[in-house]
Structures are given as structure tokens and as C-alpha cells.
Amino acid sequence: MYTPTAFAVTDLDTLHSQIEAHGLATMVTMTPDGLIASYLPLLLDRARGPQGTLVGHLARANPQATRSDTSVPALAMFQGIDGYISPSIYATKHQTGKAVPTWNYTAIHAYGTATFFSDPDRLLDVVTRLTDKHEATRPVPWAVSDAPRDFIDGMLRAIVGVEIPIDRLEGKAKLSQNRPPVDHEGIVSGLQAEGRADLAAQVARAIAERA
């Protein structure tokens, strides 16, 4: 991932926290027919390996589960917040006219050797942990154990687990940190006026951290 120094995120705890917040990843692997990608909710086991291990599952019918070349590192991409930035909110635009649009975003790339597994107990652990994580904030959380066990066993036979011990992490937060200070207030207030208070807050935080 092309990451200028101003946008680089290198703190491991920050990267882990952002992975856990985003959840959904695009997993890319190589097959004999070329690259293949799937969209998967992945869990992060922080303590497994120096940079953590990603765990999830995909459909058994998905060719990525059977045709991936595990001699080539897999890539799991987590995309966070993003949004268009109009030059009209820059003070620079009104002063000199020398401004162009851009797109702000955050992203993390995790690389490692993917392994696939079909052990029912491991699969049950993965789907249970994923469910517990994403049901936790609901008033009445649904649990895997709420469904009949024979039904769950049948569902487990239809999926394959995947693990990616992370060998390399790249983090990028392109949030207008490179703009001159005269533009910072306009970017934040402009995004708030456009209904993007979420992006405005992250831009303000990034600018403050760089100051």
C-alpha cells in the first residue's frame, strides 16, 4: 500500500483496535486462475503471534477455500471511514484558487500465510466467537446455542475455516494531515456542515495528533 509518512499508522495497538472496530475484511489470495477475493468478517486474536492472527470462515463452495495457493501470502484489507473532500472547504481555495478535490480514508492491510481447516470443533468456536462479538450490543443477544445442534452441525459442514497469522501490517490514515494549517478549520467545519460529523471528528483527531 502506498503510504506517505504523513499518513502512516504504525502503532500495533492502534492497528489492532481499528481491525477490531472494522470487522469486515476483503481477503485476497492467489489461485491457479489468478487472484480471488472474498468479503469476510474476521476475528483478531491479538496474543497469537507477534502481530496477531486473523480467524474466520467462508463457504465450502467458495473456490478460494480449495484453490488458494498457500505458498503466496494472503492479504486481508480492512477499510474504515472514508469520504470526498471538496476544495471549496479549503481556505486556500478562496485565497489562491490553487486547490483540487481529494478523498480521505483509513485502511489497514494485513499479510500472512492463510491456512484452511474443516475441524467441526474449531469451526464451532469461530462461529460462536464471531456471533458473540457482533451480538454483544443487542438487548437480547442471539447465541449459536439458540439453534438446534443438528442444524448447526449441518451449517458447519457447509463452511471452511481460515487462519492468517499476521506477518506484516500496514496502516494508513489519509485525513488531511498534509494540508496547510490555514485549511484545517475549514475542512472540519465543512465536513460537519455536510453531515459528516464522523469523518470530521477523525480528521480533527488526526490533525491534532500531528501538531
N, C-alpha and C. Protein backbone atom coordinates (compact mmCIF):
# COMPACT_ATOMS: atom_id res chain seq x y z
N MET A 1 0.85 -1.18 0.00
CA MET A 1 0.00 0.00 0.00
C MET A 1 0.89 1.23 0.00
N TYR A 2 0.63 2.15 -0.91
CA TYR A 2 1.38 3.39 -0.97
C TYR A 2 0.99 4.24 0.24
N THR A 3 1.97 4.54 1.10
CA THR A 3 1.67 5.24 2.35
C THR A 3 2.72 6.31 2.61
N PRO A 4 2.46 7.56 2.21
CA PRO A 4 3.37 8.64 2.59
C PRO A 4 3.50 8.73 4.11
N THR A 5 4.63 9.21 4.57
CA THR A 5 4.91 9.25 6.00
C THR A 5 3.82 9.96 6.80
N ALA A 6 3.27 11.02 6.24
CA ALA A 6 2.26 11.80 6.96
C ALA A 6 1.01 10.99 7.27
N PHE A 7 0.77 9.92 6.50
CA PHE A 7 -0.45 9.13 6.66
C PHE A 7 -0.22 7.77 7.31
N ALA A 8 1.01 7.45 7.65
CA ALA A 8 1.33 6.11 8.15
C ALA A 8 0.84 5.92 9.58
N VAL A 9 0.25 4.74 9.84
CA VAL A 9 -0.15 4.33 11.19
C VAL A 9 0.69 3.10 11.52
N THR A 10 1.53 3.20 12.55
CA THR A 10 2.47 2.13 12.86
C THR A 10 2.28 1.52 14.25
N ASP A 11 1.54 2.18 15.13
CA ASP A 11 1.35 1.67 16.48
C ASP A 11 0.51 0.39 16.44
N LEU A 12 1.05 -0.70 16.97
CA LEU A 12 0.39 -2.00 16.87
C LEU A 12 -0.96 -2.00 17.58
N ASP A 13 -1.05 -1.41 18.76
CA ASP A 13 -2.32 -1.40 19.47
C ASP A 13 -3.38 -0.63 18.70
N THR A 14 -2.99 0.47 18.07
CA THR A 14 -3.93 1.24 17.25
C THR A 14 -4.40 0.43 16.06
N LEU A 15 -3.48 -0.26 15.40
CA LEU A 15 -3.85 -1.09 14.25
C LEU A 15 -4.79 -2.20 14.68
N HIS A 16 -4.48 -2.85 15.79
CA HIS A 16 -5.35 -3.92 16.28
C HIS A 16 -6.75 -3.38 16.62
N SER A 17 -6.80 -2.25 17.27
CA SER A 17 -8.10 -1.68 17.65
C SER A 17 -8.93 -1.34 16.43
N GLN A 18 -8.28 -0.83 15.38
CA GLN A 18 -9.01 -0.49 14.17
C GLN A 18 -9.50 -1.73 13.44
N ILE A 19 -8.71 -2.80 13.43
CA ILE A 19 -9.16 -4.06 12.84
C ILE A 19 -10.40 -4.56 13.57
N GLU A 20 -10.35 -4.51 14.89
CA GLU A 20 -11.49 -4.98 15.69
C GLU A 20 -12.72 -4.11 15.47
N ALA A 21 -12.52 -2.83 15.23
CA ALA A 21 -13.65 -1.92 15.01
C ALA A 21 -14.28 -2.13 13.64
N HIS A 22 -13.44 -2.42 12.62
CA HIS A 22 -13.96 -2.55 11.26
C HIS A 22 -14.62 -3.91 11.06
N GLY A 23 -13.94 -4.98 11.47
CA GLY A 23 -14.55 -6.31 11.40
C GLY A 23 -14.51 -6.96 10.03
N LEU A 24 -15.19 -6.35 9.04
CA LEU A 24 -15.27 -6.95 7.71
C LEU A 24 -13.99 -6.71 6.93
N ALA A 25 -13.47 -7.76 6.33
CA ALA A 25 -12.24 -7.67 5.54
C ALA A 25 -12.49 -8.15 4.12
N THR A 26 -11.66 -7.67 3.22
CA THR A 26 -11.57 -8.25 1.88
C THR A 26 -10.33 -9.12 1.88
N MET A 27 -10.52 -10.44 1.76
CA MET A 27 -9.39 -11.37 1.76
C MET A 27 -9.04 -11.74 0.33
N VAL A 28 -7.79 -11.49 -0.04
CA VAL A 28 -7.31 -11.75 -1.40
C VAL A 28 -6.24 -12.83 -1.37
N THR A 29 -6.41 -13.85 -2.21
CA THR A 29 -5.40 -14.91 -2.34
C THR A 29 -5.16 -15.20 -3.81
N MET A 30 -4.05 -15.89 -4.06
CA MET A 30 -3.72 -16.30 -5.42
C MET A 30 -4.22 -17.71 -5.67
N THR A 31 -4.78 -17.95 -6.86
CA THR A 31 -5.20 -19.29 -7.28
C THR A 31 -4.56 -19.58 -8.64
N PRO A 32 -4.67 -20.81 -9.14
CA PRO A 32 -4.14 -21.10 -10.48
C PRO A 32 -4.77 -20.24 -11.56
N ASP A 33 -5.97 -19.70 -11.29
CA ASP A 33 -6.65 -18.88 -12.28
C ASP A 33 -6.43 -17.38 -12.04
N GLY A 34 -5.59 -17.04 -11.08
CA GLY A 34 -5.35 -15.64 -10.77
C GLY A 34 -5.88 -15.27 -9.40
N LEU A 35 -5.95 -13.98 -9.13
CA LEU A 35 -6.38 -13.50 -7.82
C LEU A 35 -7.88 -13.75 -7.61
N ILE A 36 -8.24 -14.02 -6.35
CA ILE A 36 -9.64 -14.16 -5.96
C ILE A 36 -9.83 -13.44 -4.64
N ALA A 37 -11.01 -12.84 -4.46
CA ALA A 37 -11.28 -12.06 -3.24
C ALA A 37 -12.62 -12.47 -2.66
N SER A 38 -12.70 -12.46 -1.34
CA SER A 38 -13.95 -12.70 -0.62
C SER A 38 -14.08 -11.66 0.48
N TYR A 39 -15.32 -11.36 0.85
CA TYR A 39 -15.61 -10.42 1.92
C TYR A 39 -16.00 -11.21 3.16
N LEU A 40 -15.17 -11.11 4.20
CA LEU A 40 -15.33 -11.96 5.37
C LEU A 40 -15.25 -11.16 6.66
N PRO A 41 -16.14 -11.43 7.64
CA PRO A 41 -15.90 -10.90 8.98
C PRO A 41 -14.79 -11.73 9.62
N LEU A 42 -13.77 -11.07 10.10
CA LEU A 42 -12.63 -11.76 10.69
C LEU A 42 -12.44 -11.34 12.14
N LEU A 43 -12.09 -12.31 12.97
CA LEU A 43 -11.71 -12.05 14.35
C LEU A 43 -10.20 -11.85 14.43
N LEU A 44 -9.77 -11.03 15.37
CA LEU A 44 -8.35 -10.86 15.63
C LEU A 44 -8.01 -11.47 16.97
N ASP A 45 -7.10 -12.46 16.95
CA ASP A 45 -6.53 -12.99 18.19
C ASP A 45 -5.22 -12.24 18.42
N ARG A 46 -5.25 -11.25 19.28
CA ARG A 46 -4.08 -10.38 19.47
C ARG A 46 -2.86 -11.15 19.99
N ALA A 47 -3.10 -12.13 20.86
CA ALA A 47 -1.99 -12.79 21.56
C ALA A 47 -1.35 -13.91 20.76
N ARG A 48 -1.91 -14.28 19.64
CA ARG A 48 -1.37 -15.38 18.85
C ARG A 48 -0.41 -14.84 17.80
N GLY A 49 0.89 -14.89 18.08
CA GLY A 49 1.90 -14.39 17.16
C GLY A 49 2.28 -12.96 17.49
N PRO A 50 3.43 -12.52 16.99
CA PRO A 50 3.93 -11.17 17.29
C PRO A 50 2.98 -10.05 16.88
N GLN A 51 2.23 -10.26 15.79
CA GLN A 51 1.32 -9.22 15.31
C GLN A 51 -0.14 -9.66 15.31
N GLY A 52 -0.40 -10.83 15.91
CA GLY A 52 -1.76 -11.32 15.98
C GLY A 52 -2.10 -12.29 14.86
N THR A 53 -3.26 -12.91 14.96
CA THR A 53 -3.74 -13.87 13.97
C THR A 53 -5.20 -13.56 13.66
N LEU A 54 -5.52 -13.57 12.37
CA LEU A 54 -6.90 -13.37 11.92
C LEU A 54 -7.57 -14.72 11.73
N VAL A 55 -8.84 -14.81 12.13
CA VAL A 55 -9.58 -16.07 12.04
C VAL A 55 -10.98 -15.79 11.52
N GLY A 56 -11.45 -16.65 10.61
CA GLY A 56 -12.81 -16.50 10.09
C GLY A 56 -13.24 -17.75 9.36
N HIS A 57 -14.24 -17.61 8.51
CA HIS A 57 -14.70 -18.77 7.73
C HIS A 57 -15.32 -18.29 6.43
N LEU A 58 -15.41 -19.19 5.47
CA LEU A 58 -16.04 -18.92 4.19
C LEU A 58 -16.78 -20.16 3.72
N ALA A 59 -17.61 -19.99 2.73
CA ALA A 59 -18.41 -21.10 2.24
C ALA A 59 -17.52 -22.19 1.65
N ARG A 60 -17.85 -23.45 1.93
CA ARG A 60 -17.08 -24.56 1.37
C ARG A 60 -17.13 -24.53 -0.16
N ALA A 61 -18.23 -24.03 -0.72
CA ALA A 61 -18.36 -23.97 -2.18
C ALA A 61 -17.53 -22.86 -2.81
N ASN A 62 -17.00 -21.96 -2.00
CA ASN A 62 -16.18 -20.85 -2.49
C ASN A 62 -14.83 -21.41 -2.96
N PRO A 63 -14.46 -21.23 -4.22
CA PRO A 63 -13.18 -21.78 -4.70
C PRO A 63 -11.97 -21.24 -3.97
N GLN A 64 -12.11 -20.12 -3.29
CA GLN A 64 -10.99 -19.59 -2.52
C GLN A 64 -10.60 -20.55 -1.40
N ALA A 65 -11.56 -21.35 -0.93
CA ALA A 65 -11.29 -22.28 0.16
C ALA A 65 -10.48 -23.49 -0.29
N THR A 66 -10.52 -23.81 -1.58
CA THR A 66 -9.87 -25.02 -2.06
C THR A 66 -8.77 -24.78 -3.07
N ARG A 67 -8.76 -23.61 -3.70
CA ARG A 67 -7.81 -23.38 -4.80
C ARG A 67 -6.76 -22.32 -4.48
N SER A 68 -6.77 -21.79 -3.28
CA SER A 68 -5.78 -20.77 -2.93
C SER A 68 -4.38 -21.38 -2.86
N ASP A 69 -3.42 -20.67 -3.42
CA ASP A 69 -2.01 -21.08 -3.36
C ASP A 69 -1.43 -20.58 -2.05
N THR A 70 -1.29 -21.47 -1.07
CA THR A 70 -0.83 -21.05 0.25
C THR A 70 0.67 -20.78 0.32
N SER A 71 1.37 -20.95 -0.81
CA SER A 71 2.78 -20.55 -0.84
C SER A 71 2.92 -19.06 -1.11
N VAL A 72 1.81 -18.42 -1.49
CA VAL A 72 1.79 -16.98 -1.74
C VAL A 72 1.04 -16.31 -0.59
N PRO A 73 1.60 -15.29 0.05
CA PRO A 73 0.91 -14.65 1.19
C PRO A 73 -0.49 -14.16 0.82
N ALA A 74 -1.40 -14.32 1.74
CA ALA A 74 -2.74 -13.76 1.60
C ALA A 74 -2.73 -12.31 2.06
N LEU A 75 -3.71 -11.55 1.61
CA LEU A 75 -3.86 -10.15 2.01
C LEU A 75 -5.28 -9.95 2.51
N ALA A 76 -5.42 -9.46 3.74
CA ALA A 76 -6.72 -9.08 4.29
C ALA A 76 -6.75 -7.57 4.43
N MET A 77 -7.71 -6.94 3.78
CA MET A 77 -7.81 -5.48 3.77
C MET A 77 -9.03 -5.04 4.56
N PHE A 78 -8.81 -4.13 5.50
CA PHE A 78 -9.88 -3.56 6.31
C PHE A 78 -10.00 -2.08 5.96
N GLN A 79 -11.14 -1.68 5.44
CA GLN A 79 -11.34 -0.27 5.11
C GLN A 79 -12.23 0.38 6.15
N GLY A 80 -11.78 1.50 6.66
CA GLY A 80 -12.54 2.22 7.66
C GLY A 80 -13.34 3.36 7.05
N ILE A 81 -13.36 4.47 7.74
CA ILE A 81 -14.15 5.62 7.31
C ILE A 81 -13.56 6.22 6.03
N ASP A 82 -14.42 6.82 5.20
CA ASP A 82 -13.92 7.49 4.00
C ASP A 82 -14.92 8.56 3.58
N GLY A 83 -14.46 9.46 2.72
CA GLY A 83 -15.34 10.50 2.22
C GLY A 83 -14.64 11.48 1.30
N TYR A 84 -15.42 12.06 0.42
CA TYR A 84 -14.94 13.06 -0.55
C TYR A 84 -14.66 14.39 0.16
N ILE A 85 -13.56 15.02 -0.25
CA ILE A 85 -13.19 16.33 0.29
C ILE A 85 -13.19 17.34 -0.86
N SER A 86 -14.12 18.29 -0.79
CA SER A 86 -14.23 19.31 -1.83
C SER A 86 -13.23 20.44 -1.59
N PRO A 87 -12.59 20.96 -2.63
CA PRO A 87 -11.68 22.10 -2.44
C PRO A 87 -12.42 23.34 -1.95
N SER A 88 -13.74 23.35 -2.09
CA SER A 88 -14.49 24.54 -1.68
C SER A 88 -14.44 24.79 -0.18
N ILE A 89 -14.05 23.78 0.62
CA ILE A 89 -13.98 23.98 2.07
C ILE A 89 -12.58 24.38 2.53
N TYR A 90 -11.64 24.51 1.59
CA TYR A 90 -10.30 24.96 1.93
C TYR A 90 -10.22 26.49 1.94
N ALA A 91 -9.60 27.06 2.95
CA ALA A 91 -9.30 28.49 2.90
C ALA A 91 -8.39 28.80 1.72
N THR A 92 -7.48 27.88 1.41
CA THR A 92 -6.54 28.07 0.31
C THR A 92 -7.27 28.32 -1.01
N LYS A 93 -8.38 27.62 -1.22
CA LYS A 93 -9.13 27.78 -2.47
C LYS A 93 -9.59 29.22 -2.63
N HIS A 94 -10.07 29.82 -1.54
CA HIS A 94 -10.59 31.18 -1.60
C HIS A 94 -9.47 32.22 -1.67
N GLN A 95 -8.28 31.84 -1.20
CA GLN A 95 -7.16 32.78 -1.20
C GLN A 95 -6.40 32.77 -2.52
N THR A 96 -6.17 31.59 -3.06
CA THR A 96 -5.32 31.47 -4.25
C THR A 96 -5.97 30.71 -5.40
N GLY A 97 -7.02 29.96 -5.12
CA GLY A 97 -7.63 29.13 -6.16
C GLY A 97 -6.87 27.84 -6.42
N LYS A 98 -5.73 27.67 -5.76
CA LYS A 98 -4.87 26.51 -6.01
C LYS A 98 -5.25 25.35 -5.08
N ALA A 99 -6.33 24.66 -5.45
CA ALA A 99 -6.81 23.54 -4.66
C ALA A 99 -7.58 22.59 -5.55
N VAL A 100 -7.52 21.32 -5.25
CA VAL A 100 -8.23 20.29 -6.03
C VAL A 100 -8.90 19.32 -5.06
N PRO A 101 -9.88 18.56 -5.53
CA PRO A 101 -10.55 17.59 -4.65
C PRO A 101 -9.62 16.45 -4.25
N THR A 102 -10.00 15.77 -3.17
CA THR A 102 -9.30 14.56 -2.77
C THR A 102 -10.30 13.65 -2.07
N TRP A 103 -9.82 12.49 -1.62
CA TRP A 103 -10.66 11.54 -0.89
C TRP A 103 -9.92 11.14 0.38
N ASN A 104 -10.56 11.31 1.52
CA ASN A 104 -9.98 10.88 2.79
C ASN A 104 -10.44 9.47 3.12
N TYR A 105 -9.58 8.71 3.76
CA TYR A 105 -9.95 7.34 4.12
C TYR A 105 -8.94 6.77 5.11
N THR A 106 -9.36 5.68 5.76
CA THR A 106 -8.44 4.89 6.58
C THR A 106 -8.49 3.46 6.10
N ALA A 107 -7.36 2.77 6.18
CA ALA A 107 -7.28 1.38 5.72
C ALA A 107 -6.14 0.67 6.40
N ILE A 108 -6.30 -0.64 6.54
CA ILE A 108 -5.25 -1.50 7.08
C ILE A 108 -5.10 -2.70 6.18
N HIS A 109 -3.85 -3.05 5.86
CA HIS A 109 -3.53 -4.25 5.10
C HIS A 109 -2.78 -5.21 6.02
N ALA A 110 -3.27 -6.44 6.11
CA ALA A 110 -2.62 -7.49 6.90
C ALA A 110 -2.21 -8.62 5.97
N TYR A 111 -0.94 -9.02 6.06
CA TYR A 111 -0.39 -10.06 5.18
C TYR A 111 0.03 -11.27 6.01
N GLY A 112 -0.14 -12.45 5.43
CA GLY A 112 0.30 -13.67 6.10
C GLY A 112 -0.12 -14.89 5.32
N THR A 113 0.40 -16.04 5.70
CA THR A 113 0.08 -17.29 5.03
C THR A 113 -1.25 -17.82 5.54
N ALA A 114 -2.20 -17.98 4.65
CA ALA A 114 -3.52 -18.48 5.03
C ALA A 114 -3.52 -20.00 5.13
N THR A 115 -4.17 -20.52 6.14
CA THR A 115 -4.40 -21.96 6.24
C THR A 115 -5.91 -22.17 6.40
N PHE A 116 -6.39 -23.26 5.82
CA PHE A 116 -7.82 -23.55 5.83
C PHE A 116 -8.06 -24.83 6.63
N PHE A 117 -9.19 -24.91 7.34
CA PHE A 117 -9.45 -26.07 8.18
C PHE A 117 -10.94 -26.40 8.18
N SER A 118 -11.23 -27.69 8.48
CA SER A 118 -12.62 -28.17 8.48
C SER A 118 -13.01 -28.83 9.79
N ASP A 119 -12.15 -28.82 10.79
CA ASP A 119 -12.44 -29.46 12.06
C ASP A 119 -13.70 -28.84 12.68
N PRO A 120 -14.73 -29.65 12.97
CA PRO A 120 -16.00 -29.10 13.46
C PRO A 120 -15.87 -28.30 14.76
N ASP A 121 -15.03 -28.76 15.68
CA ASP A 121 -14.89 -28.05 16.95
C ASP A 121 -14.26 -26.68 16.74
N ARG A 122 -13.26 -26.61 15.88
CA ARG A 122 -12.64 -25.31 15.59
C ARG A 122 -13.62 -24.38 14.89
N LEU A 123 -14.39 -24.93 13.95
CA LEU A 123 -15.37 -24.12 13.25
C LEU A 123 -16.45 -23.61 14.20
N LEU A 124 -16.91 -24.47 15.09
CA LEU A 124 -17.92 -24.04 16.06
C LEU A 124 -17.38 -22.92 16.95
N ASP A 125 -16.12 -23.02 17.34
CA ASP A 125 -15.50 -21.97 18.15
C ASP A 125 -15.48 -20.65 17.39
N VAL A 126 -15.12 -20.70 16.10
CA VAL A 126 -15.04 -19.47 15.30
C VAL A 126 -16.42 -18.83 15.15
N VAL A 127 -17.43 -19.61 14.76
CA VAL A 127 -18.75 -19.01 14.54
C VAL A 127 -19.36 -18.53 15.86
N THR A 128 -19.05 -19.23 16.95
CA THR A 128 -19.56 -18.79 18.26
C THR A 128 -18.93 -17.47 18.67
N ARG A 129 -17.62 -17.35 18.50
CA ARG A 129 -16.94 -16.11 18.88
C ARG A 129 -17.36 -14.94 18.00
N LEU A 130 -17.51 -15.19 16.70
CA LEU A 130 -17.98 -14.13 15.80
C LEU A 130 -19.38 -13.66 16.21
N THR A 131 -20.25 -14.63 16.47
CA THR A 131 -21.61 -14.30 16.87
C THR A 131 -21.63 -13.52 18.17
N ASP A 132 -20.91 -13.99 19.16
CA ASP A 132 -20.89 -13.33 20.46
C ASP A 132 -20.40 -11.89 20.34
N LYS A 133 -19.39 -11.68 19.50
CA LYS A 133 -18.85 -10.33 19.33
C LYS A 133 -19.90 -9.39 18.75
N HIS A 134 -20.57 -9.82 17.69
CA HIS A 134 -21.47 -8.91 16.98
C HIS A 134 -22.87 -8.85 17.57
N GLU A 135 -23.20 -9.79 18.44
CA GLU A 135 -24.50 -9.74 19.14
C GLU A 135 -24.40 -9.02 20.49
N ALA A 136 -23.19 -8.74 20.93
CA ALA A 136 -22.97 -8.26 22.30
C ALA A 136 -23.75 -6.99 22.64
N THR A 137 -23.97 -6.12 21.67
CA THR A 137 -24.63 -4.84 21.97
C THR A 137 -26.15 -4.91 21.82
N ARG A 138 -26.67 -6.03 21.39
CA ARG A 138 -28.12 -6.15 21.22
C ARG A 138 -28.80 -6.37 22.58
N PRO A 139 -30.03 -5.86 22.74
CA PRO A 139 -30.71 -6.01 24.02
C PRO A 139 -30.89 -7.47 24.44
N VAL A 140 -31.19 -8.31 23.47
CA VAL A 140 -31.32 -9.75 23.74
C VAL A 140 -30.44 -10.48 22.72
N PRO A 141 -29.17 -10.69 23.04
CA PRO A 141 -28.23 -11.28 22.07
C PRO A 141 -28.66 -12.69 21.66
N TRP A 142 -28.54 -12.94 20.36
CA TRP A 142 -28.76 -14.29 19.85
C TRP A 142 -27.47 -15.08 20.05
N ALA A 143 -27.58 -16.37 20.37
CA ALA A 143 -26.41 -17.23 20.55
C ALA A 143 -26.51 -18.43 19.63
N VAL A 144 -25.36 -18.94 19.22
CA VAL A 144 -25.34 -20.12 18.37
C VAL A 144 -26.12 -21.26 19.02
N SER A 145 -26.03 -21.36 20.33
CA SER A 145 -26.72 -22.43 21.06
C SER A 145 -28.24 -22.28 21.03
N ASP A 146 -28.75 -21.13 20.55
CA ASP A 146 -30.20 -20.96 20.43
C ASP A 146 -30.79 -21.83 19.31
N ALA A 147 -29.96 -22.21 18.35
CA ALA A 147 -30.41 -23.03 17.22
C ALA A 147 -30.22 -24.50 17.56
N PRO A 148 -31.03 -25.40 16.97
CA PRO A 148 -30.85 -26.84 17.22
C PRO A 148 -29.45 -27.30 16.82
N ARG A 149 -28.85 -28.17 17.64
CA ARG A 149 -27.47 -28.58 17.39
C ARG A 149 -27.32 -29.30 16.05
N ASP A 150 -28.31 -30.12 15.65
CA ASP A 150 -28.17 -30.81 14.37
C ASP A 150 -28.20 -29.83 13.20
N PHE A 151 -28.96 -28.73 13.37
CA PHE A 151 -28.98 -27.68 12.34
C PHE A 151 -27.62 -27.00 12.26
N ILE A 152 -27.04 -26.66 13.42
CA ILE A 152 -25.72 -26.02 13.44
C ILE A 152 -24.67 -26.96 12.85
N ASP A 153 -24.75 -28.25 13.18
CA ASP A 153 -23.78 -29.20 12.62
C ASP A 153 -23.86 -29.22 11.10
N GLY A 154 -25.06 -29.13 10.56
CA GLY A 154 -25.21 -29.09 9.11
C GLY A 154 -24.62 -27.83 8.51
N MET A 155 -24.81 -26.70 9.19
CA MET A 155 -24.24 -25.44 8.72
C MET A 155 -22.72 -25.48 8.76
N LEU A 156 -22.16 -26.10 9.79
CA LEU A 156 -20.71 -26.19 9.91
C LEU A 156 -20.11 -27.01 8.76
N ARG A 157 -20.84 -28.00 8.29
CA ARG A 157 -20.34 -28.81 7.17
C ARG A 157 -20.30 -28.02 5.87
N ALA A 158 -20.98 -26.89 5.85
CA ALA A 158 -21.05 -26.08 4.63
C ALA A 158 -20.01 -24.96 4.60
N ILE A 159 -19.16 -24.89 5.63
CA ILE A 159 -18.16 -23.82 5.67
C ILE A 159 -16.77 -24.40 5.90
N VAL A 160 -15.77 -23.56 5.64
CA VAL A 160 -14.36 -23.88 5.87
C VAL A 160 -13.76 -22.74 6.67
N GLY A 161 -12.97 -23.07 7.67
CA GLY A 161 -12.31 -22.04 8.46
C GLY A 161 -11.04 -21.55 7.81
N VAL A 162 -10.63 -20.33 8.16
CA VAL A 162 -9.38 -19.77 7.65
C VAL A 162 -8.66 -19.05 8.77
N GLU A 163 -7.35 -19.23 8.82
CA GLU A 163 -6.49 -18.50 9.76
C GLU A 163 -5.36 -17.83 8.99
N ILE A 164 -5.03 -16.62 9.40
CA ILE A 164 -3.91 -15.89 8.81
C ILE A 164 -3.06 -15.32 9.94
N PRO A 165 -1.97 -16.01 10.32
CA PRO A 165 -1.02 -15.39 11.25
C PRO A 165 -0.39 -14.17 10.56
N ILE A 166 -0.50 -13.02 11.17
CA ILE A 166 -0.07 -11.79 10.50
C ILE A 166 1.45 -11.66 10.52
N ASP A 167 2.03 -11.58 9.32
CA ASP A 167 3.47 -11.37 9.17
C ASP A 167 3.81 -9.89 9.02
N ARG A 168 2.86 -9.13 8.47
CA ARG A 168 3.13 -7.71 8.19
C ARG A 168 1.82 -6.95 8.25
N LEU A 169 1.86 -5.77 8.88
CA LEU A 169 0.71 -4.89 8.97
C LEU A 169 1.05 -3.53 8.40
N GLU A 170 0.18 -2.99 7.58
CA GLU A 170 0.33 -1.63 7.06
C GLU A 170 -0.94 -0.85 7.40
N GLY A 171 -0.76 0.29 8.00
CA GLY A 171 -1.90 1.13 8.32
C GLY A 171 -1.79 2.50 7.67
N LYS A 172 -2.91 3.00 7.19
CA LYS A 172 -2.92 4.31 6.53
C LYS A 172 -4.14 5.09 6.98
N ALA A 173 -3.92 6.34 7.38
CA ALA A 173 -5.00 7.25 7.73
C ALA A 173 -4.78 8.54 6.95
N LYS A 174 -5.40 8.63 5.79
CA LYS A 174 -5.28 9.82 4.94
C LYS A 174 -6.42 10.75 5.33
N LEU A 175 -6.12 11.68 6.24
CA LEU A 175 -7.16 12.50 6.86
C LEU A 175 -6.79 13.99 6.85
N SER A 176 -6.25 14.44 5.73
CA SER A 176 -5.94 15.86 5.52
C SER A 176 -4.81 16.39 6.39
N GLN A 177 -3.99 15.47 6.97
CA GLN A 177 -2.88 15.94 7.81
C GLN A 177 -1.86 16.74 7.00
N ASN A 178 -1.84 16.50 5.68
CA ASN A 178 -0.84 17.17 4.85
C ASN A 178 -1.27 18.55 4.38
N ARG A 179 -2.50 18.95 4.69
CA ARG A 179 -2.95 20.27 4.27
C ARG A 179 -2.31 21.34 5.17
N PRO A 180 -2.11 22.55 4.64
CA PRO A 180 -1.54 23.62 5.47
C PRO A 180 -2.50 23.97 6.60
N PRO A 181 -1.98 24.45 7.73
CA PRO A 181 -2.82 24.76 8.89
C PRO A 181 -3.99 25.69 8.57
N VAL A 182 -3.83 26.57 7.60
CA VAL A 182 -4.90 27.51 7.28
C VAL A 182 -6.15 26.79 6.79
N ASP A 183 -5.99 25.58 6.28
CA ASP A 183 -7.15 24.84 5.76
C ASP A 183 -7.84 23.96 6.80
N HIS A 184 -7.19 23.69 7.91
CA HIS A 184 -7.70 22.69 8.85
C HIS A 184 -9.09 23.00 9.40
N GLU A 185 -9.32 24.22 9.84
CA GLU A 185 -10.61 24.57 10.41
C GLU A 185 -11.72 24.43 9.38
N GLY A 186 -11.43 24.84 8.16
CA GLY A 186 -12.43 24.76 7.10
C GLY A 186 -12.79 23.33 6.75
N ILE A 187 -11.81 22.43 6.79
CA ILE A 187 -12.08 21.03 6.49
C ILE A 187 -13.02 20.45 7.54
N VAL A 188 -12.72 20.68 8.81
CA VAL A 188 -13.54 20.13 9.88
C VAL A 188 -14.94 20.72 9.86
N SER A 189 -15.05 22.04 9.79
CA SER A 189 -16.37 22.68 9.81
C SER A 189 -17.15 22.37 8.54
N GLY A 190 -16.43 22.25 7.42
CA GLY A 190 -17.09 21.92 6.15
C GLY A 190 -17.69 20.53 6.18
N LEU A 191 -16.96 19.56 6.70
CA LEU A 191 -17.47 18.19 6.80
C LEU A 191 -18.66 18.13 7.76
N GLN A 192 -18.59 18.87 8.85
CA GLN A 192 -19.71 18.89 9.80
C GLN A 192 -20.96 19.45 9.12
N ALA A 193 -20.79 20.52 8.33
CA ALA A 193 -21.92 21.13 7.63
C ALA A 193 -22.52 20.18 6.58
N GLU A 194 -21.69 19.30 6.05
CA GLU A 194 -22.15 18.34 5.04
C GLU A 194 -22.75 17.08 5.66
N GLY A 195 -22.87 17.07 7.00
CA GLY A 195 -23.44 15.90 7.67
C GLY A 195 -22.45 14.78 7.91
N ARG A 196 -21.16 15.07 7.80
CA ARG A 196 -20.13 14.05 8.02
C ARG A 196 -19.38 14.33 9.33
N ALA A 197 -20.13 14.42 10.42
CA ALA A 197 -19.51 14.66 11.71
C ALA A 197 -18.55 13.55 12.09
N ASP A 198 -18.85 12.31 11.64
CA ASP A 198 -17.97 11.18 11.95
C ASP A 198 -16.60 11.35 11.33
N LEU A 199 -16.58 11.73 10.05
CA LEU A 199 -15.31 11.96 9.36
C LEU A 199 -14.63 13.22 9.89
N ALA A 200 -15.41 14.25 10.17
CA ALA A 200 -14.84 15.48 10.71
C ALA A 200 -14.11 15.22 12.02
N ALA A 201 -14.68 14.37 12.87
CA ALA A 201 -14.05 14.07 14.16
C ALA A 201 -12.72 13.36 13.97
N GLN A 202 -12.66 12.44 13.02
CA GLN A 202 -11.41 11.72 12.79
C GLN A 202 -10.36 12.63 12.16
N VAL A 203 -10.79 13.52 11.27
CA VAL A 203 -9.85 14.49 10.69
C VAL A 203 -9.30 15.39 11.78
N ALA A 204 -10.15 15.89 12.65
CA ALA A 204 -9.70 16.77 13.74
C ALA A 204 -8.70 16.04 14.64
N ARG A 205 -8.98 14.77 14.93
CA ARG A 205 -8.09 14.00 15.78
C ARG A 205 -6.73 13.79 15.11
N ALA A 206 -6.75 13.47 13.82
CA ALA A 206 -5.50 13.24 13.08
C ALA A 206 -4.66 14.50 13.00
N ILE A 207 -5.31 15.61 12.77
CA ILE A 207 -4.60 16.89 12.70
C ILE A 207 -3.98 17.23 14.05
N ALA A 208 -4.74 17.00 15.13
CA ALA A 208 -4.24 17.31 16.47
C ALA A 208 -3.05 16.41 16.83
N GLU A 209 -3.11 15.16 16.43
CA GLU A 209 -2.02 14.22 16.75
C GLU A 209 -0.75 14.59 15.99
N ARG A 210 -0.90 15.18 14.83
CA ARG A 210 0.27 15.54 14.03
C ARG A 210 0.90 16.86 14.48
N ALA A 211 0.09 17.69 15.14
CA ALA A 211 0.56 19.02 15.54
C ALA A 211 1.71 18.93 16.54
